[in-house]
């Protein structure tokens, strides 16, 4: 998609149009990631599957993302912007249509995998295009606007699914998304321009299965840790996790070897940039704590406080909206004050909220939970936007796709690890409370408090890493390469940031 050391130039209105297309398309595919949450009980009855099997509708999505994202660093440099966008939306539309018509559970599961394949391409494409088109002094503001959409979409998923399930069959979850995604695909293919020149280059066919098997096994193993029926599987989650870690280590060794003599599938030289490495570590710790909280809150609200799935979804929406609406403002503050003055207070607020969640119980008011969730989301807004912006900004243009792929891959691993950690702690302490004579609800409440306690520890570690964050110096901009329209001609326009 982008040749090394080349930065395309576009008129402000065209830059805004390109980013708007990609952001709205990303919103659609991310909304679908969480839209299945409330449909699990109904799907269990209709397809006569267990809760563990139905849970694979979410696990398979995350697993596919972990498998596909590592390849996107290589892929995005070797195809045009329009080709990458077209493939991502085509996969998502095909998966959505197949899911809406699925006659059996295995078909629905396969459809979710196809959907996730498209989503895995869309996120790195958006980040890479943003870093390519927007000059450093405006990246905070633009990244903040993107954070609004990316944050709101997953938060709206459970509430949207609750409303649609009230109206009719679970197939509405896909039928409602299908025309919106189709319109975005058609509009995007018509309006998008190609950014830079694709780079021809070989693919290392040893790295591809190593990445797929390594990241896939690691996320699968981590997702299974702490599950009540984990020991019943053909391979224990601990063995799968260890196998995945070993294969990822082999993948890393292979990439380091290829960097000396050929073209790696995932260029790990991005990790040699200190600002990027610190941002990556902070993002992983933050995401572990956030996903742990997100997995515990619905369990607490429904199983301990007795709320319905729709009530739970509606109660959690303000937090997602808070994170999204703060995104643009945090982005503007980043352009003005830099990263440390935002990230450190945000990390402290996040850790404090996670610690306070550890004191919730059977009598805690849902309004208290709502206030804590909004505050937690606000803290995360002050962390994520500066971290993503400062981390990617320090990389040279030819490493943007690889940096985005590294962030995306480790984000999936962190999500699985955070979920596994808090569920394991919750299950263990809930079981202990049961053996000591507590009733089921009290035991579960005890386990959830311990799970939030683990989140508070992760939050404290996040604060320590946040102290290492620095605002990277603006890189020197290399000579500009002209953007290409659909017919391959170039357009000579002035490079400016979108308004």
Protein backbone atom coordinates (compact mmCIF):
# COMPACT_ATOMS: atom_id res chain seq x y z
CA UNK A 1 0.00 0.00 0.00
CA UNK A 2 2.84 2.38 0.78
CA UNK A 3 6.37 2.43 -0.53
CA UNK A 4 9.11 3.02 2.03
CA UNK A 5 9.97 6.61 2.82
CA UNK A 6 7.05 8.05 0.90
CA UNK A 7 4.25 10.16 2.25
CA UNK A 8 1.28 10.85 -0.03
CA UNK A 9 -0.31 14.25 -0.30
CA UNK A 10 -4.03 14.89 -0.52
CA UNK A 11 -6.26 17.92 -0.25
CA UNK A 12 -7.80 18.35 3.22
CA UNK A 13 -11.31 17.48 2.02
CA UNK A 14 -10.08 14.28 0.37
CA UNK A 15 -8.15 13.21 3.46
CA UNK A 16 -11.28 13.76 5.54
CA UNK A 17 -13.36 11.74 3.06
CA UNK A 18 -10.91 8.81 3.01
CA UNK A 19 -10.69 8.64 6.80
CA UNK A 20 -14.45 9.01 7.21
CA UNK A 21 -15.08 6.06 4.89
CA UNK A 22 -12.62 3.87 6.76
CA UNK A 23 -13.86 4.96 10.19
CA UNK A 24 -17.53 4.32 9.42
CA UNK A 25 -16.72 0.95 7.86
CA UNK A 26 -14.66 0.04 10.92
CA UNK A 27 -17.57 1.08 13.14
CA UNK A 28 -19.86 -1.37 11.34
CA UNK A 29 -17.49 -4.33 11.63
CA UNK A 30 -16.62 -3.59 15.28
CA UNK A 31 -20.28 -3.25 16.22
CA UNK A 32 -20.77 -6.81 15.00
CA UNK A 33 -17.98 -8.09 17.28
CA UNK A 34 -20.10 -7.66 20.43
CA UNK A 35 -23.57 -7.91 18.97
CA UNK A 36 -23.82 -11.65 19.74
CA UNK A 37 -23.50 -11.27 23.51
CA UNK A 38 -27.22 -11.33 24.35
CA UNK A 39 -28.12 -13.95 21.73
CA UNK A 40 -26.22 -16.84 23.34
CA UNK A 41 -29.16 -18.26 25.41
CA UNK A 42 -31.51 -18.17 22.41
CA UNK A 43 -28.95 -19.83 20.14
CA UNK A 44 -28.39 -22.55 22.75
CA UNK A 45 -32.09 -23.40 22.62
CA UNK A 46 -32.53 -23.15 18.86
CA UNK A 47 -29.44 -25.16 17.86
CA UNK A 48 -29.46 -27.37 20.97
CA UNK A 49 -25.83 -26.63 21.86
CA UNK A 50 -24.14 -26.18 25.22
CA UNK A 51 -23.08 -22.85 26.68
CA UNK A 52 -19.45 -23.74 26.01
CA UNK A 53 -20.20 -24.41 22.33
CA UNK A 54 -22.23 -21.23 21.96
CA UNK A 55 -19.40 -19.27 23.55
CA UNK A 56 -17.28 -20.17 20.53
CA UNK A 57 -19.25 -17.60 18.53
CA UNK A 58 -17.24 -14.98 20.43
CA UNK A 59 -14.06 -16.98 20.97
CA UNK A 60 -13.76 -17.85 17.28
CA UNK A 61 -14.00 -14.16 16.36
CA UNK A 62 -11.13 -13.24 18.68
CA UNK A 63 -9.16 -16.32 17.61
CA UNK A 64 -9.47 -15.45 13.93
CA UNK A 65 -8.38 -11.88 14.59
CA UNK A 66 -5.26 -13.18 16.36
CA UNK A 67 -4.44 -15.46 13.41
CA UNK A 68 -5.03 -12.96 10.59
CA UNK A 69 -3.66 -9.69 12.02
CA UNK A 70 0.04 -10.73 12.04
CA UNK A 71 -0.14 -11.22 8.27
CA UNK A 72 -1.61 -7.77 7.62
CA UNK A 73 1.77 -6.03 8.07
CA UNK A 74 3.03 -7.84 4.96
CA UNK A 75 -0.33 -7.74 3.15
CA UNK A 76 -0.99 -4.00 3.43
CA UNK A 77 2.36 -3.12 1.87
CA UNK A 78 1.71 -5.28 -1.18
CA UNK A 79 -1.82 -4.32 -2.22
CA UNK A 80 -3.52 -1.02 -2.94
CA UNK A 81 -5.74 0.75 -0.44
CA UNK A 82 -8.82 0.00 -2.52
CA UNK A 83 -7.93 -3.68 -2.81
CA UNK A 84 -7.41 -4.06 0.94
CA UNK A 85 -10.67 -2.25 1.67
CA UNK A 86 -12.58 -4.26 -0.93
CA UNK A 87 -11.29 -7.57 0.42
CA UNK A 88 -12.06 -6.66 4.03
CA UNK A 89 -15.63 -5.59 3.28
CA UNK A 90 -16.23 -8.52 0.91
CA UNK A 91 -15.23 -11.00 3.62
CA UNK A 92 -17.35 -9.22 6.19
CA UNK A 93 -20.40 -9.09 3.90
CA UNK A 94 -20.02 -12.75 2.93
CA UNK A 95 -19.79 -13.79 6.56
CA UNK A 96 -22.76 -11.63 7.55
CA UNK A 97 -24.96 -13.00 4.76
CA UNK A 98 -23.97 -16.57 5.59
CA UNK A 99 -24.71 -16.01 9.29
CA UNK A 100 -28.15 -14.57 8.55
CA UNK A 101 -29.05 -17.68 6.53
CA UNK A 102 -27.20 -20.24 8.67
CA UNK A 103 -29.27 -23.47 8.86
CA UNK A 104 -27.03 -25.07 11.49
CA UNK A 105 -24.66 -24.05 14.26
CA UNK A 106 -21.42 -25.09 12.44
CA UNK A 107 -22.42 -22.84 9.53
CA UNK A 108 -23.00 -19.91 11.89
CA UNK A 109 -19.62 -20.55 13.49
CA UNK A 110 -17.91 -20.58 10.08
CA UNK A 111 -19.69 -17.33 9.21
CA UNK A 112 -18.27 -15.65 12.31
CA UNK A 113 -14.77 -16.72 11.26
CA UNK A 114 -15.28 -15.16 7.81
CA UNK A 115 -16.57 -11.95 9.39
CA UNK A 116 -13.58 -11.76 11.71
CA UNK A 117 -11.20 -12.18 8.77
CA UNK A 118 -12.56 -8.98 7.25
CA UNK A 119 -12.46 -7.13 10.56
CA UNK A 120 -8.82 -8.15 11.08
CA UNK A 121 -7.85 -6.38 7.85
CA UNK A 122 -9.95 -3.26 8.45
CA UNK A 123 -8.40 -2.16 11.76
CA UNK A 124 -4.72 -2.13 10.63
CA UNK A 125 -5.80 -0.55 7.33
CA UNK A 126 -7.45 2.33 9.20
CA UNK A 127 -4.47 2.91 11.50
CA UNK A 128 -1.91 2.68 8.70
CA UNK A 129 -3.84 5.07 6.46
CA UNK A 130 -4.24 7.57 9.31
CA UNK A 131 -0.53 7.54 10.10
CA UNK A 132 0.29 7.91 6.40
CA UNK A 133 -2.07 10.79 5.55
CA UNK A 134 -2.14 12.92 8.70
CA UNK A 135 0.90 15.05 9.62
CA UNK A 136 2.35 14.53 13.12
CA UNK A 137 1.05 17.81 14.58
CA UNK A 138 -2.57 16.80 13.86
CA UNK A 139 -2.50 13.09 14.65
CA UNK A 140 -3.76 13.45 18.21
CA UNK A 141 -6.90 15.26 17.11
CA UNK A 142 -7.66 12.84 14.28
CA UNK A 143 -6.88 9.78 16.41
CA UNK A 144 -9.25 11.18 19.01
CA UNK A 145 -12.07 11.34 16.46
CA UNK A 146 -11.36 7.74 15.48
CA UNK A 147 -11.36 6.69 19.14
CA UNK A 148 -14.92 8.02 19.38
CA UNK A 149 -16.17 5.54 16.81
CA UNK A 150 -13.99 2.62 17.87
CA UNK A 151 -15.04 3.01 21.51
CA UNK A 152 -18.75 3.49 20.91
CA UNK A 153 -19.18 0.54 18.53
CA UNK A 154 -18.39 -2.29 21.00
CA UNK A 155 -20.41 -0.53 23.71
CA UNK A 156 -23.48 -0.30 21.48
CA UNK A 157 -23.27 -3.97 20.44
CA UNK A 158 -24.94 -5.55 23.51
CA UNK A 159 -27.66 -2.88 23.69
CA UNK A 160 -28.38 -3.11 19.95
CA UNK A 161 -28.62 -6.89 20.18
CA UNK A 162 -30.99 -6.59 23.15
CA UNK A 163 -33.35 -4.33 21.19
CA UNK A 164 -33.22 -6.46 18.03
CA UNK A 165 -33.85 -9.66 19.97
CA UNK A 166 -36.92 -8.04 21.51
CA UNK A 167 -38.22 -7.36 17.99
CA UNK A 168 -37.74 -10.83 16.54
CA UNK A 169 -35.38 -13.64 15.64
CA UNK A 170 -31.62 -13.65 16.24
CA UNK A 171 -31.14 -13.46 12.47
CA UNK A 172 -32.09 -9.77 12.71
CA UNK A 173 -28.66 -9.21 14.27
CA UNK A 174 -27.14 -9.90 10.86
CA UNK A 175 -29.96 -8.75 8.60
CA UNK A 176 -29.85 -5.29 10.19
CA UNK A 177 -26.09 -4.99 9.65
CA UNK A 178 -26.03 -6.37 6.09
CA UNK A 179 -27.51 -3.38 4.16
CA UNK A 180 -25.45 -0.87 6.18
CA UNK A 181 -22.23 -2.75 5.50
CA UNK A 182 -23.17 -3.17 1.84
CA UNK A 183 -23.76 0.56 1.43
CA UNK A 184 -20.42 1.36 3.08
CA UNK A 185 -18.64 -1.11 0.80
CA UNK A 186 -20.11 0.39 -2.36
CA UNK A 187 -19.52 3.97 -1.26
CA UNK A 188 -15.98 3.20 -0.14
CA UNK A 189 -14.99 1.46 -3.36
CA UNK A 190 -16.26 4.46 -5.31
CA UNK A 191 -14.68 7.20 -3.22
CA UNK A 192 -11.42 5.73 -1.91
CA UNK A 193 -8.12 6.54 -3.60
CA UNK A 194 -4.99 4.43 -3.55
CA UNK A 195 -2.32 5.71 -1.15
CA UNK A 196 1.22 5.21 -2.44
CA UNK A 197 2.54 2.33 -4.54
CA UNK A 198 2.29 -1.36 -3.53
CA UNK A 199 5.62 -3.07 -2.98
CA UNK A 200 6.21 -6.33 -4.80
CA UNK A 201 7.90 -8.86 -2.56
CA UNK A 202 7.90 -12.55 -1.63
CA UNK A 203 6.06 -14.01 1.33
CA UNK A 204 7.80 -16.39 3.69
CA UNK A 205 5.58 -19.46 3.72
CA UNK A 206 7.24 -20.77 6.87
CA UNK A 207 6.24 -17.67 8.82
CA UNK A 208 2.56 -17.83 7.83
CA UNK A 209 1.73 -21.19 9.51
CA UNK A 210 3.98 -20.29 12.46
CA UNK A 211 2.04 -17.06 13.00
CA UNK A 212 -1.35 -18.70 12.52
CA UNK A 213 -0.62 -21.69 14.74
CA UNK A 214 1.31 -19.70 17.36
CA UNK A 215 -1.05 -16.77 17.91
CA UNK A 216 -4.10 -19.01 17.41
CA UNK A 217 -2.98 -21.59 19.97
CA UNK A 218 -1.91 -18.88 22.42
CA UNK A 219 -5.24 -17.07 22.32
CA UNK A 220 -7.20 -20.35 22.36
CA UNK A 221 -5.24 -21.63 25.34
CA UNK A 222 -5.54 -18.39 27.27
CA UNK A 223 -9.27 -18.22 26.53
CA UNK A 224 -9.74 -21.70 27.96
CA UNK A 225 -7.83 -21.13 31.19
CA UNK A 226 -10.18 -20.86 34.13
CA UNK A 227 -13.16 -22.37 32.29
CA UNK A 228 -15.07 -24.86 34.34
CA UNK A 229 -14.98 -27.55 31.66
CA UNK A 230 -11.39 -26.91 30.57
CA UNK A 231 -10.18 -30.34 31.62
CA UNK A 232 -12.79 -32.04 29.42
CA UNK A 233 -11.21 -30.83 26.15
CA UNK A 234 -8.90 -33.01 24.04
CA UNK A 235 -5.94 -30.72 24.90
CA UNK A 236 -5.74 -28.83 28.17
CA UNK A 237 -5.61 -25.02 27.93
CA UNK A 238 -2.29 -24.92 29.78
CA UNK A 239 -0.69 -27.24 27.21
CA UNK A 240 -2.21 -25.24 24.37
CA UNK A 241 -0.97 -21.98 25.90
CA UNK A 242 2.56 -23.34 26.28
CA UNK A 243 2.50 -24.68 22.72
CA UNK A 244 1.31 -21.32 21.41
CA UNK A 245 4.01 -19.46 23.33
CA UNK A 246 6.67 -21.78 21.89
CA UNK A 247 5.39 -21.33 18.33
CA UNK A 248 5.25 -17.54 18.76
CA UNK A 249 8.85 -17.64 19.99
CA UNK A 250 9.81 -19.60 16.85
CA UNK A 251 7.90 -17.06 14.75
CA UNK A 252 9.83 -14.21 16.38
CA UNK A 253 13.15 -16.03 15.80
CA UNK A 254 12.20 -16.54 12.15
CA UNK A 255 11.37 -12.85 11.68
CA UNK A 256 14.65 -11.75 13.24
CA UNK A 257 16.52 -14.08 10.88
CA UNK A 258 14.60 -12.78 7.84
CA UNK A 259 15.32 -9.17 8.77
CA UNK A 260 19.01 -9.80 8.10
CA UNK A 261 18.64 -11.40 4.69
CA UNK A 262 15.12 -11.02 3.29
CA UNK A 263 11.71 -9.50 3.91
CA UNK A 264 10.03 -10.63 7.17
CA UNK A 265 6.31 -11.30 7.36
CA UNK A 266 6.11 -9.05 10.42
CA UNK A 267 8.96 -6.55 10.75
CA UNK A 268 9.94 -6.55 14.42
CA UNK A 269 12.33 -3.66 13.98
CA UNK A 270 9.39 -1.52 15.13
CA UNK A 271 10.15 -2.82 18.63
CA UNK A 272 13.59 -1.17 18.55
CA UNK A 273 11.85 2.22 18.88
CA UNK A 274 11.59 2.88 22.61
CA UNK A 275 8.45 5.02 22.40
CA UNK A 276 6.66 2.29 20.48
CA UNK A 277 7.76 -0.48 22.88
CA UNK A 278 6.64 1.47 25.95
CA UNK A 279 3.30 2.28 24.31
CA UNK A 280 2.89 -1.39 23.40
CA UNK A 281 3.51 -2.54 26.97
CA UNK A 282 1.13 0.07 28.36
CA UNK A 283 -1.56 -0.87 25.85
CA UNK A 284 -1.29 -4.58 26.72
CA UNK A 285 -1.56 -3.99 30.48
CA UNK A 286 -4.45 -1.54 30.02
CA UNK A 287 -6.30 -3.91 27.73
CA UNK A 288 -5.87 -6.82 30.14
CA UNK A 289 -7.43 -4.78 32.93
CA UNK A 290 -10.18 -3.38 30.71
CA UNK A 291 -11.20 -6.76 29.25
CA UNK A 292 -11.18 -8.27 32.71
CA UNK A 293 -13.58 -5.59 33.91
CA UNK A 294 -15.76 -5.94 30.81
CA UNK A 295 -16.11 -9.70 31.31
CA UNK A 296 -16.84 -9.39 35.05
CA UNK A 297 -19.38 -6.55 34.91
CA UNK A 298 -22.14 -8.39 32.96
CA UNK A 299 -21.72 -11.45 35.21
CA UNK A 300 -21.98 -9.28 38.31
CA UNK A 301 -24.95 -7.25 37.09
CA UNK A 302 -26.98 -10.23 35.86
CA UNK A 303 -26.02 -13.05 38.25
CA UNK A 304 -25.49 -11.05 41.47
CA UNK A 305 -27.69 -7.97 41.04
CA UNK A 306 -30.40 -9.69 38.95
CA UNK A 307 -30.54 -7.31 35.96
CA UNK A 308 -31.69 -8.53 32.56
CA UNK A 309 -29.34 -8.67 29.59
CA UNK A 310 -31.00 -5.62 28.03
CA UNK A 311 -30.77 -3.65 31.29
CA UNK A 312 -27.11 -4.61 31.56
CA UNK A 313 -26.39 -3.47 28.03
CA UNK A 314 -28.15 -0.16 28.56
CA UNK A 315 -26.33 0.44 31.85
CA UNK A 316 -22.95 -0.07 30.19
CA UNK A 317 -23.64 2.22 27.22
CA UNK A 318 -22.82 5.52 29.04
CA UNK A 319 -19.29 4.27 29.71
CA UNK A 320 -18.69 3.50 26.05
CA UNK A 321 -20.16 6.85 25.03
CA UNK A 322 -17.96 8.61 27.59
CA UNK A 323 -14.81 7.04 26.18
CA UNK A 324 -15.89 7.86 22.66
CA UNK A 325 -16.97 11.45 23.28
CA UNK A 326 -13.81 12.20 25.24
CA UNK A 327 -11.66 10.84 22.40
CA UNK A 328 -11.66 14.01 20.25
CA UNK A 329 -11.03 16.24 23.26
CA UNK A 330 -8.17 14.04 24.49
CA UNK A 331 -6.75 14.09 20.97
CA UNK A 332 -6.70 17.89 20.95
CA UNK A 333 -5.09 17.93 24.38
CA UNK A 334 -2.42 15.50 23.15
CA UNK A 335 -1.51 17.84 20.28
CA UNK A 336 -1.18 20.65 22.83
CA UNK A 337 0.34 19.03 25.93
CA UNK A 338 1.82 15.72 24.75
CA UNK A 339 1.35 12.21 26.14
CA UNK A 340 2.65 12.10 29.77
CA UNK A 341 0.31 14.78 31.16
CA UNK A 342 -2.67 12.76 29.89
CA UNK A 343 -1.57 9.15 30.25
CA UNK A 344 -0.42 9.27 33.88
CA UNK A 345 -3.66 10.81 35.30
CA UNK A 346 -5.70 8.48 33.08
CA UNK A 347 -3.82 5.42 34.35
CA UNK A 348 -4.24 6.54 37.97
CA UNK A 349 -8.00 7.04 37.50
CA UNK A 350 -8.29 3.63 35.83
CA UNK A 351 -6.43 1.86 38.64
CA UNK A 352 -8.55 3.65 41.27
CA UNK A 353 -11.82 2.63 39.61
CA UNK A 354 -10.73 -1.01 39.31
CA UNK A 355 -9.79 -0.98 42.99
CA UNK A 356 -13.20 0.46 43.94
CA UNK A 357 -14.95 -2.22 41.86
CA UNK A 358 -13.30 -4.77 44.17
CA UNK A 359 -15.54 -3.47 47.00
CA UNK A 360 -18.85 -4.02 45.18
CA UNK A 361 -21.22 -6.60 46.61
CA UNK A 362 -24.77 -7.94 46.62
CA UNK A 363 -26.20 -4.67 47.97
CA UNK A 364 -24.24 -2.25 45.78
CA UNK A 365 -26.53 0.04 43.81
CA UNK A 366 -26.41 -0.27 40.00
CA UNK A 367 -26.06 3.52 39.95
CA UNK A 368 -22.74 3.20 41.78
CA UNK A 369 -21.64 0.64 39.19
CA UNK A 370 -22.73 3.02 36.43
CA UNK A 371 -20.70 5.90 37.93
CA UNK A 372 -17.60 3.72 38.36
CA UNK A 373 -17.89 2.39 34.82
CA UNK A 374 -18.16 5.92 33.40
CA UNK A 375 -15.12 7.02 35.40
CA UNK A 376 -13.19 3.91 34.29
CA UNK A 377 -14.04 4.65 30.67
CA UNK A 378 -12.91 8.26 31.08
CA UNK A 379 -9.58 7.08 32.47
CA UNK A 380 -9.13 4.70 29.56
CA UNK A 381 -9.86 7.52 27.10
CA UNK A 382 -6.93 9.47 28.56
CA UNK A 383 -4.72 6.41 28.09
CA UNK A 384 -5.64 4.86 24.74
CA UNK A 385 -5.66 7.89 22.41
CA UNK A 386 -2.23 9.25 23.50
CA UNK A 387 -0.71 5.75 23.62
CA UNK A 388 -1.79 4.78 20.11
CA UNK A 389 -0.77 8.16 18.71
CA UNK A 390 2.62 8.46 20.40
CA UNK A 391 3.50 4.81 19.80
CA UNK A 392 2.88 4.77 16.07
CA UNK A 393 4.10 8.32 15.42
CA UNK A 394 7.72 7.47 16.14
CA UNK A 395 7.86 4.77 13.44
CA UNK A 396 9.09 5.48 9.90
CA UNK A 397 6.36 5.20 7.23
CA UNK A 398 7.42 1.77 5.94
CA UNK A 399 6.88 0.34 9.45
CA UNK A 400 3.35 1.73 9.93
CA UNK A 401 1.64 -1.46 8.69
CA UNK A 402 3.91 -3.65 10.79
CA UNK A 403 3.48 -1.47 13.88
CA UNK A 404 -0.31 -1.58 13.48
CA UNK A 405 -0.18 -5.37 13.06
CA UNK A 406 1.99 -5.82 16.17
CA UNK A 407 -0.41 -3.66 18.20
CA UNK A 408 -3.43 -5.56 16.88
CA UNK A 409 -1.92 -9.00 17.47
CA UNK A 410 -0.81 -8.32 21.03
CA UNK A 411 -4.13 -6.62 21.76
CA UNK A 412 -5.89 -9.93 21.06
CA UNK A 413 -3.39 -11.83 23.21
CA UNK A 414 -3.81 -9.29 26.02
CA UNK A 415 -7.60 -9.55 25.81
CA UNK A 416 -7.45 -13.34 26.08
CA UNK A 417 -4.89 -13.20 28.90
CA UNK A 418 -6.87 -10.64 30.88
CA UNK A 419 -10.08 -12.62 30.49
CA UNK A 420 -8.39 -15.89 31.48
CA UNK A 421 -6.73 -14.33 34.51
CA UNK A 422 -9.82 -12.75 36.06
CA UNK A 423 -12.07 -15.72 35.27
CA UNK A 424 -9.57 -18.11 36.85
CA UNK A 425 -9.34 -16.00 40.00
CA UNK A 426 -13.10 -15.49 40.13
CA UNK A 427 -13.85 -19.21 39.69
CA UNK A 428 -11.26 -20.29 42.25
CA UNK A 429 -12.40 -17.92 45.00
CA UNK A 430 -16.09 -18.56 44.27
CA UNK A 431 -15.48 -22.32 44.65
CA UNK A 432 -13.62 -21.73 47.92
CA UNK A 433 -16.47 -19.60 49.27
CA UNK A 434 -18.96 -22.35 48.38
CA UNK A 435 -16.99 -24.95 50.30
CA UNK A 436 -16.96 -22.60 53.30
CA UNK A 437 -20.77 -22.53 53.35
CA UNK A 438 -21.67 -19.42 51.36
CA UNK A 439 -24.71 -19.55 49.08
CA UNK A 440 -24.20 -19.47 45.30
CA UNK A 441 -24.85 -15.73 44.89
CA UNK A 442 -22.58 -14.72 47.76
CA UNK A 443 -19.84 -17.06 46.56
CA UNK A 444 -20.01 -15.62 43.07
CA UNK A 445 -19.93 -12.07 44.46
CA UNK A 446 -16.81 -12.96 46.44
CA UNK A 447 -15.13 -14.39 43.35
CA UNK A 448 -15.99 -11.29 41.30
CA UNK A 449 -14.49 -9.00 43.94
CA UNK A 450 -11.26 -10.96 43.79
CA UNK A 451 -11.34 -10.74 40.00
CA UNK A 452 -11.63 -6.96 40.19
CA UNK A 453 -8.76 -7.03 42.68
CA UNK A 454 -6.57 -8.60 40.00
CA UNK A 455 -7.71 -5.81 37.68
CA UNK A 456 -6.59 -3.27 40.30
CA UNK A 457 -3.13 -4.88 40.39
CA UNK A 458 -2.94 -4.63 36.60
CA UNK A 459 -4.02 -1.01 36.93
CA UNK A 460 -1.19 -0.31 39.36
CA UNK A 461 1.31 -1.84 36.94
CA UNK A 462 -0.17 0.36 34.21
CA UNK A 463 0.56 3.45 36.31
CA UNK A 464 4.21 2.40 36.66
CA UNK A 465 4.59 1.91 32.90
CA UNK A 466 2.74 5.18 32.24
CA UNK A 467 5.53 7.02 34.06
CA UNK A 468 7.87 5.92 31.24
CA UNK A 469 5.73 7.42 28.47
CA UNK A 470 7.23 10.34 26.59
CA UNK A 471 5.96 12.41 23.68
CA UNK A 472 8.14 11.41 20.71
CA UNK A 473 9.74 14.18 18.64
CA UNK A 474 8.03 14.85 15.34
CA UNK A 475 9.81 12.89 12.58
CA UNK A 476 11.22 14.67 9.60
CA UNK A 477 8.78 14.30 6.75
CA UNK A 478 10.32 12.66 3.64
CA UNK A 479 9.64 13.79 0.08
CA UNK A 480 6.02 13.32 -0.85
CA UNK A 481 4.69 10.73 -3.27
CA UNK A 482 1.58 11.55 -5.24
CA UNK A 483 -1.69 9.74 -4.45
CA UNK A 484 -3.31 7.73 -7.20
CA UNK A 485 -6.88 7.85 -8.36
CA UNK A 486 -8.71 4.79 -9.62
CA UNK A 487 -7.33 5.10 -13.15
CA UNK A 488 -3.74 5.19 -11.88
CA UNK A 489 -3.18 8.90 -12.56
CA UNK A 490 -1.71 11.15 -9.92
CA UNK A 491 -3.22 14.26 -8.49
CA UNK A 492 -1.02 17.14 -7.40
CA UNK A 493 -2.57 18.54 -4.24
CA UNK A 494 -1.42 20.26 -1.13
CA UNK A 495 -0.84 18.19 1.99
CA UNK A 496 -2.85 19.48 4.89
CA UNK A 497 -4.66 17.96 7.83
CA UNK A 498 -8.41 17.41 7.64
CA UNK A 499 -10.57 19.96 9.33
